[in-house]
Amino acid sequence: MRPSQRPWPAVMLAVSVLAAAVLTGCASEQSATLPPLRAPAATDDPAAAEAAEAALAAYNGYLAAAEKAEHAADPHHPELKKYLADPLLAQVRLSIRDAKEHGAMRTGSLISEPTVTEVNLDSVPVTVVIQDCLDATNYRMVYADDTDTVVPGTEVSRYLATATATRYDDGRWLISGGFSHRDQPC
């Protein structure tokens, strides 16, 4: 089927879900106003610094794994489970599957500028909040059978995203949730 013959309402629904969940590394959109990106607060607490470092490593791993899964149009890409936990894992898999079923996939790369904005050592489980300025200018949703054609309505540029990293009982840090803030360019 040529791009002009595609069922646009179904494709756009899949693309909307995919963009909200995978592109931003987040499970849903939130319109609340965020403070501007800021440098992480200086801390003399080695445990907080260690948590922040581990959370950022998990977040960066997540973005890389999601990118690989989207390029392969593989919702069960093995690296996803290494960096994501439910409910975000289920959202990402569903989004990739929906895009694949509608003949779409991603090409290119995201540019990420994450910072830790909050470390919650007293919460159970321990969590870290990450704020990111994602540049998706070169991260394109295209048709799998025509990778030169961008799916209409899927173009985005730079915007804020937030994510929550959680330390699980086995010591692993996984990204378990987040939000895209497309109405807040960065």
C-alpha atoms as a PDB file:
ATOM      1  CA  MET A   1       0.000   0.000   0.000  1.00  0.00           C
ATOM      2  CA  ARG A   2       1.375   3.431  -0.919  1.00  0.00           C
ATOM      3  CA  PRO A   3       1.628   6.086   1.785  1.00  0.00           C
ATOM      4  CA  SER A   4      -1.302   8.007   0.290  1.00  0.00           C
ATOM      5  CA  GLN A   5      -3.507   4.931   0.749  1.00  0.00           C
ATOM      6  CA  ARG A   6      -2.758   4.332   4.426  1.00  0.00           C
ATOM      7  CA  PRO A   7      -5.596   4.385   6.969  1.00  0.00           C
ATOM      8  CA  TRP A   8      -4.664   7.792   8.482  1.00  0.00           C
ATOM      9  CA  PRO A   9      -6.876   7.754  11.590  1.00  0.00           C
ATOM     10  CA  ALA A  10      -5.410   4.432  12.714  1.00  0.00           C
ATOM     11  CA  VAL A  11      -1.848   5.455  11.865  1.00  0.00           C
ATOM     12  CA  MET A  12      -2.200   8.784  13.667  1.00  0.00           C
ATOM     13  CA  LEU A  13      -3.624   7.087  16.769  1.00  0.00           C
ATOM     14  CA  ALA A  14      -0.683   4.701  16.856  1.00  0.00           C
ATOM     15  CA  VAL A  15       1.752   7.516  16.235  1.00  0.00           C
ATOM     16  CA  SER A  16       0.241   9.624  19.023  1.00  0.00           C
ATOM     17  CA  VAL A  17       0.603   6.783  21.502  1.00  0.00           C
ATOM     18  CA  LEU A  18       4.127   6.027  20.313  1.00  0.00           C
ATOM     19  CA  ALA A  19       5.216   9.637  20.478  1.00  0.00           C
ATOM     20  CA  ALA A  20       3.845  10.077  23.979  1.00  0.00           C
ATOM     21  CA  ALA A  21       5.363   6.903  25.338  1.00  0.00           C
ATOM     22  CA  VAL A  22       8.508   6.016  23.493  1.00  0.00           C
ATOM     23  CA  LEU A  23       9.907   9.125  21.911  1.00  0.00           C
ATOM     24  CA  THR A  24      10.035  10.923  25.189  1.00  0.00           C
ATOM     25  CA  GLY A  25      10.845   7.974  27.325  1.00  0.00           C
ATOM     26  CA  CYS A  26       7.643   8.615  29.160  1.00  0.00           C
ATOM     27  CA  ALA A  27       4.300   6.993  29.708  1.00  0.00           C
ATOM     28  CA  SER A  28       1.962   9.930  29.250  1.00  0.00           C
ATOM     29  CA  GLU A  29       1.746  13.645  28.711  1.00  0.00           C
ATOM     30  CA  GLN A  30       1.402  16.184  31.469  1.00  0.00           C
ATOM     31  CA  SER A  31       0.593  19.816  30.894  1.00  0.00           C
ATOM     32  CA  ALA A  32       1.607  21.160  34.300  1.00  0.00           C
ATOM     33  CA  THR A  33       4.302  23.783  34.055  1.00  0.00           C
ATOM     34  CA  LEU A  34       7.755  22.599  34.992  1.00  0.00           C
ATOM     35  CA  PRO A  35      10.538  24.738  36.296  1.00  0.00           C
ATOM     36  CA  PRO A  36      13.250  25.395  33.716  1.00  0.00           C
ATOM     37  CA  LEU A  37      15.986  22.813  33.376  1.00  0.00           C
ATOM     38  CA  ARG A  38      18.437  23.281  36.163  1.00  0.00           C
ATOM     39  CA  ALA A  39      21.657  21.837  37.370  1.00  0.00           C
ATOM     40  CA  PRO A  40      21.304  19.128  39.989  1.00  0.00           C
ATOM     41  CA  ALA A  41      21.514  20.351  43.525  1.00  0.00           C
ATOM     42  CA  ALA A  42      24.961  19.994  45.017  1.00  0.00           C
ATOM     43  CA  THR A  43      25.017  17.357  47.698  1.00  0.00           C
ATOM     44  CA  ASP A  44      27.499  16.245  50.278  1.00  0.00           C
ATOM     45  CA  ASP A  45      25.542  13.017  50.680  1.00  0.00           C
ATOM     46  CA  PRO A  46      27.447  10.204  48.954  1.00  0.00           C
ATOM     47  CA  ALA A  47      24.338   7.985  48.949  1.00  0.00           C
ATOM     48  CA  ALA A  48      22.352  10.653  47.076  1.00  0.00           C
ATOM     49  CA  ALA A  49      25.182  11.175  44.591  1.00  0.00           C
ATOM     50  CA  GLU A  50      25.429   7.416  44.019  1.00  0.00           C
ATOM     51  CA  ALA A  51      21.652   7.152  43.520  1.00  0.00           C
ATOM     52  CA  ALA A  52      21.691  10.037  41.032  1.00  0.00           C
ATOM     53  CA  GLU A  53      24.526   8.466  39.052  1.00  0.00           C
ATOM     54  CA  ALA A  54      22.827   5.053  38.938  1.00  0.00           C
ATOM     55  CA  ALA A  55      19.498   6.595  37.916  1.00  0.00           C
ATOM     56  CA  LEU A  56      21.105   8.558  35.076  1.00  0.00           C
ATOM     57  CA  ALA A  57      22.843   5.393  33.860  1.00  0.00           C
ATOM     58  CA  ALA A  58      19.482   3.590  33.808  1.00  0.00           C
ATOM     59  CA  TYR A  59      17.846   6.514  31.997  1.00  0.00           C
ATOM     60  CA  ASN A  60      20.569   6.686  29.346  1.00  0.00           C
ATOM     61  CA  GLY A  61      20.360   2.907  28.943  1.00  0.00           C
ATOM     62  CA  TYR A  62      16.615   3.189  28.532  1.00  0.00           C
ATOM     63  CA  LEU A  63      16.886   5.785  25.776  1.00  0.00           C
ATOM     64  CA  ALA A  64      19.445   3.656  23.915  1.00  0.00           C
ATOM     65  CA  ALA A  65      17.368   0.477  24.305  1.00  0.00           C
ATOM     66  CA  ALA A  66      14.164   2.203  23.185  1.00  0.00           C
ATOM     67  CA  GLU A  67      15.942   3.616  20.159  1.00  0.00           C
ATOM     68  CA  LYS A  68      17.206   0.141  19.177  1.00  0.00           C
ATOM     69  CA  ALA A  69      13.757  -1.379  19.695  1.00  0.00           C
ATOM     70  CA  GLU A  70      12.091   1.353  17.631  1.00  0.00           C
ATOM     71  CA  HIS A  71      14.616   1.051  14.797  1.00  0.00           C
ATOM     72  CA  ALA A  72      13.996  -2.709  14.695  1.00  0.00           C
ATOM     73  CA  ALA A  73      10.224  -2.268  15.266  1.00  0.00           C
ATOM     74  CA  ASP A  74      10.635  -4.916  17.984  1.00  0.00           C
ATOM     75  CA  PRO A  75       8.405  -4.415  21.044  1.00  0.00           C
ATOM     76  CA  HIS A  76      10.137  -7.310  22.805  1.00  0.00           C
ATOM     77  CA  HIS A  77      13.686  -6.152  22.200  1.00  0.00           C
ATOM     78  CA  PRO A  78      15.705  -7.787  25.016  1.00  0.00           C
ATOM     79  CA  GLU A  79      17.353  -4.569  26.168  1.00  0.00           C
ATOM     80  CA  LEU A  80      14.037  -2.954  27.113  1.00  0.00           C
ATOM     81  CA  LYS A  81      13.678  -5.142  30.224  1.00  0.00           C
ATOM     82  CA  LYS A  82      17.197  -4.219  31.330  1.00  0.00           C
ATOM     83  CA  TYR A  83      16.235  -0.565  31.802  1.00  0.00           C
ATOM     84  CA  LEU A  84      12.429  -0.340  32.117  1.00  0.00           C
ATOM     85  CA  ALA A  85       9.817  -1.485  34.609  1.00  0.00           C
ATOM     86  CA  ASP A  86       6.054  -1.491  34.421  1.00  0.00           C
ATOM     87  CA  PRO A  87       3.990   0.472  33.856  1.00  0.00           C
ATOM     88  CA  LEU A  88       6.391   2.210  31.453  1.00  0.00           C
ATOM     89  CA  LEU A  89       7.681  -1.062  29.983  1.00  0.00           C
ATOM     90  CA  ALA A  90       4.163  -2.105  28.964  1.00  0.00           C
ATOM     91  CA  GLN A  91       3.442   1.345  27.494  1.00  0.00           C
ATOM     92  CA  VAL A  92       6.620   1.347  25.416  1.00  0.00           C
ATOM     93  CA  ARG A  93       6.024  -2.165  24.111  1.00  0.00           C
ATOM     94  CA  LEU A  94       2.446  -1.351  23.175  1.00  0.00           C
ATOM     95  CA  SER A  95       3.514   1.810  21.370  1.00  0.00           C
ATOM     96  CA  ILE A  96       6.211   0.048  19.349  1.00  0.00           C
ATOM     97  CA  ARG A  97       3.800  -2.761  18.480  1.00  0.00           C
ATOM     98  CA  ASP A  98       1.099  -0.313  17.373  1.00  0.00           C
ATOM     99  CA  ALA A  99       3.528   1.584  15.157  1.00  0.00           C
ATOM    100  CA  LYS A 100       4.763  -1.682  13.638  1.00  0.00           C
ATOM    101  CA  GLU A 101       1.214  -2.891  12.973  1.00  0.00           C
ATOM    102  CA  HIS A 102       0.565   0.362  11.115  1.00  0.00           C
ATOM    103  CA  GLY A 103       3.731   0.073   9.039  1.00  0.00           C
ATOM    104  CA  ALA A 104       5.768   2.685  10.902  1.00  0.00           C
ATOM    105  CA  MET A 105       9.153   2.716  12.600  1.00  0.00           C
ATOM    106  CA  ARG A 106      11.742   5.225  13.815  1.00  0.00           C
ATOM    107  CA  THR A 107      15.014   6.288  12.246  1.00  0.00           C
ATOM    108  CA  GLY A 108      17.670   8.664  13.510  1.00  0.00           C
ATOM    109  CA  SER A 109      18.627   9.488  17.068  1.00  0.00           C
ATOM    110  CA  LEU A 110      17.440  11.483  20.045  1.00  0.00           C
ATOM    111  CA  ILE A 111      19.702  14.023  21.691  1.00  0.00           C
ATOM    112  CA  SER A 112      19.285  14.003  25.451  1.00  0.00           C
ATOM    113  CA  GLU A 113      20.362  16.454  28.157  1.00  0.00           C
ATOM    114  CA  PRO A 114      19.183  14.835  31.409  1.00  0.00           C
ATOM    115  CA  THR A 115      19.649  16.238  34.892  1.00  0.00           C
ATOM    116  CA  VAL A 116      18.657  14.836  38.248  1.00  0.00           C
ATOM    117  CA  THR A 117      16.196  17.168  39.935  1.00  0.00           C
ATOM    118  CA  GLU A 118      15.214  15.113  42.969  1.00  0.00           C
ATOM    119  CA  VAL A 119      16.633  12.197  44.963  1.00  0.00           C
ATOM    120  CA  ASN A 120      14.233  10.503  47.389  1.00  0.00           C
ATOM    121  CA  LEU A 121      16.344   8.250  49.610  1.00  0.00           C
ATOM    122  CA  ASP A 122      13.630   8.079  52.282  1.00  0.00           C
ATOM    123  CA  SER A 123      10.905   6.810  49.955  1.00  0.00           C
ATOM    124  CA  VAL A 124      10.170   3.107  49.652  1.00  0.00           C
ATOM    125  CA  PRO A 125      11.340   2.219  47.101  1.00  0.00           C
ATOM    126  CA  VAL A 126      14.047   4.824  46.590  1.00  0.00           C
ATOM    127  CA  THR A 127      13.342   7.056  43.579  1.00  0.00           C
ATOM    128  CA  VAL A 128      15.139   9.678  41.534  1.00  0.00           C
ATOM    129  CA  VAL A 129      13.391  12.227  39.308  1.00  0.00           C
ATOM    130  CA  ILE A 130      15.109  13.150  36.053  1.00  0.00           C
ATOM    131  CA  GLN A 131      14.297  16.143  33.870  1.00  0.00           C
ATOM    132  CA  ASP A 132      15.456  16.103  30.268  1.00  0.00           C
ATOM    133  CA  CYS A 133      15.485  18.361  27.254  1.00  0.00           C
ATOM    134  CA  LEU A 134      14.945  15.939  24.388  1.00  0.00           C
ATOM    135  CA  ASP A 135      15.844  16.969  20.871  1.00  0.00           C
ATOM    136  CA  ALA A 136      13.878  14.759  18.488  1.00  0.00           C
ATOM    137  CA  THR A 137      14.591  16.830  15.389  1.00  0.00           C
ATOM    138  CA  ASN A 138      16.424  13.923  13.712  1.00  0.00           C
ATOM    139  CA  TYR A 139      14.367  11.134  15.315  1.00  0.00           C
ATOM    140  CA  ARG A 140      11.810  10.512  12.601  1.00  0.00           C
ATOM    141  CA  MET A 141       8.725   8.293  12.413  1.00  0.00           C
ATOM    142  CA  VAL A 142       8.799   6.850   8.893  1.00  0.00           C
ATOM    143  CA  TYR A 143       7.062   4.145   6.928  1.00  0.00           C
ATOM    144  CA  ALA A 144       8.884   0.818   7.184  1.00  0.00           C
ATOM    145  CA  ASP A 145       8.482   0.234   3.436  1.00  0.00           C
ATOM    146  CA  ASP A 146       9.544   3.786   2.513  1.00  0.00           C
ATOM    147  CA  THR A 147      12.002   5.177   5.049  1.00  0.00           C
ATOM    148  CA  ASP A 148      12.319   8.430   3.121  1.00  0.00           C
ATOM    149  CA  THR A 149       8.701   9.349   3.879  1.00  0.00           C
ATOM    150  CA  VAL A 150       7.968  10.816   7.315  1.00  0.00           C
ATOM    151  CA  VAL A 151       4.578   9.919   8.765  1.00  0.00           C
ATOM    152  CA  PRO A 152       2.579  13.179   8.651  1.00  0.00           C
ATOM    153  CA  GLY A 153       1.918  14.820  12.003  1.00  0.00           C
ATOM    154  CA  THR A 154       4.806  13.122  13.788  1.00  0.00           C
ATOM    155  CA  GLU A 155       7.433  15.826  13.506  1.00  0.00           C
ATOM    156  CA  VAL A 156       8.646  17.203  16.842  1.00  0.00           C
ATOM    157  CA  SER A 157      11.699  19.139  17.926  1.00  0.00           C
ATOM    158  CA  ARG A 158      12.912  20.012  21.447  1.00  0.00           C
ATOM    159  CA  TYR A 159      10.774  19.679  24.561  1.00  0.00           C
ATOM    160  CA  LEU A 160      10.921  18.811  28.238  1.00  0.00           C
ATOM    161  CA  ALA A 161      10.424  15.317  29.581  1.00  0.00           C
ATOM    162  CA  THR A 162      10.544  13.918  33.094  1.00  0.00           C
ATOM    163  CA  ALA A 163      11.176  10.361  34.215  1.00  0.00           C
ATOM    164  CA  THR A 164      11.208   8.456  37.475  1.00  0.00           C
ATOM    165  CA  ALA A 165      13.961   5.958  38.186  1.00  0.00           C
ATOM    166  CA  THR A 166      13.227   3.400  40.895  1.00  0.00           C
ATOM    167  CA  ARG A 167      15.673   1.208  42.818  1.00  0.00           C
ATOM    168  CA  TYR A 168      14.214  -2.267  43.181  1.00  0.00           C
ATOM    169  CA  ASP A 169      14.885  -4.778  45.964  1.00  0.00           C
ATOM    170  CA  ASP A 170      17.464  -6.596  43.842  1.00  0.00           C
ATOM    171  CA  GLY A 171      19.470  -3.344  43.575  1.00  0.00           C
ATOM    172  CA  ARG A 172      18.622  -2.594  39.934  1.00  0.00           C
ATOM    173  CA  TRP A 173      17.633   0.907  38.878  1.00  0.00           C
ATOM    174  CA  LEU A 174      14.838   0.898  36.286  1.00  0.00           C
ATOM    175  CA  ILE A 175      12.852   3.674  34.653  1.00  0.00           C
ATOM    176  CA  SER A 176       9.260   3.110  35.728  1.00  0.00           C
ATOM    177  CA  GLY A 177       7.384   6.216  34.620  1.00  0.00           C
ATOM    178  CA  GLY A 178       7.448   9.710  33.285  1.00  0.00           C
ATOM    179  CA  PHE A 179       5.795  12.459  31.305  1.00  0.00           C
ATOM    180  CA  SER A 180       6.314  14.332  28.076  1.00  0.00           C
ATOM    181  CA  HIS A 181       5.817  18.095  28.180  1.00  0.00           C
ATOM    182  CA  ARG A 182       5.517  18.933  24.483  1.00  0.00           C
ATOM    183  CA  ASP A 183       3.977  22.288  25.287  1.00  0.00           C
ATOM    184  CA  GLN A 184       7.227  23.299  26.991  1.00  0.00           C
ATOM    185  CA  PRO A 185      10.086  23.698  24.511  1.00  0.00           C
ATOM    186  CA  CYS A 186      13.610  23.786  25.846  1.00  0.00           C
END
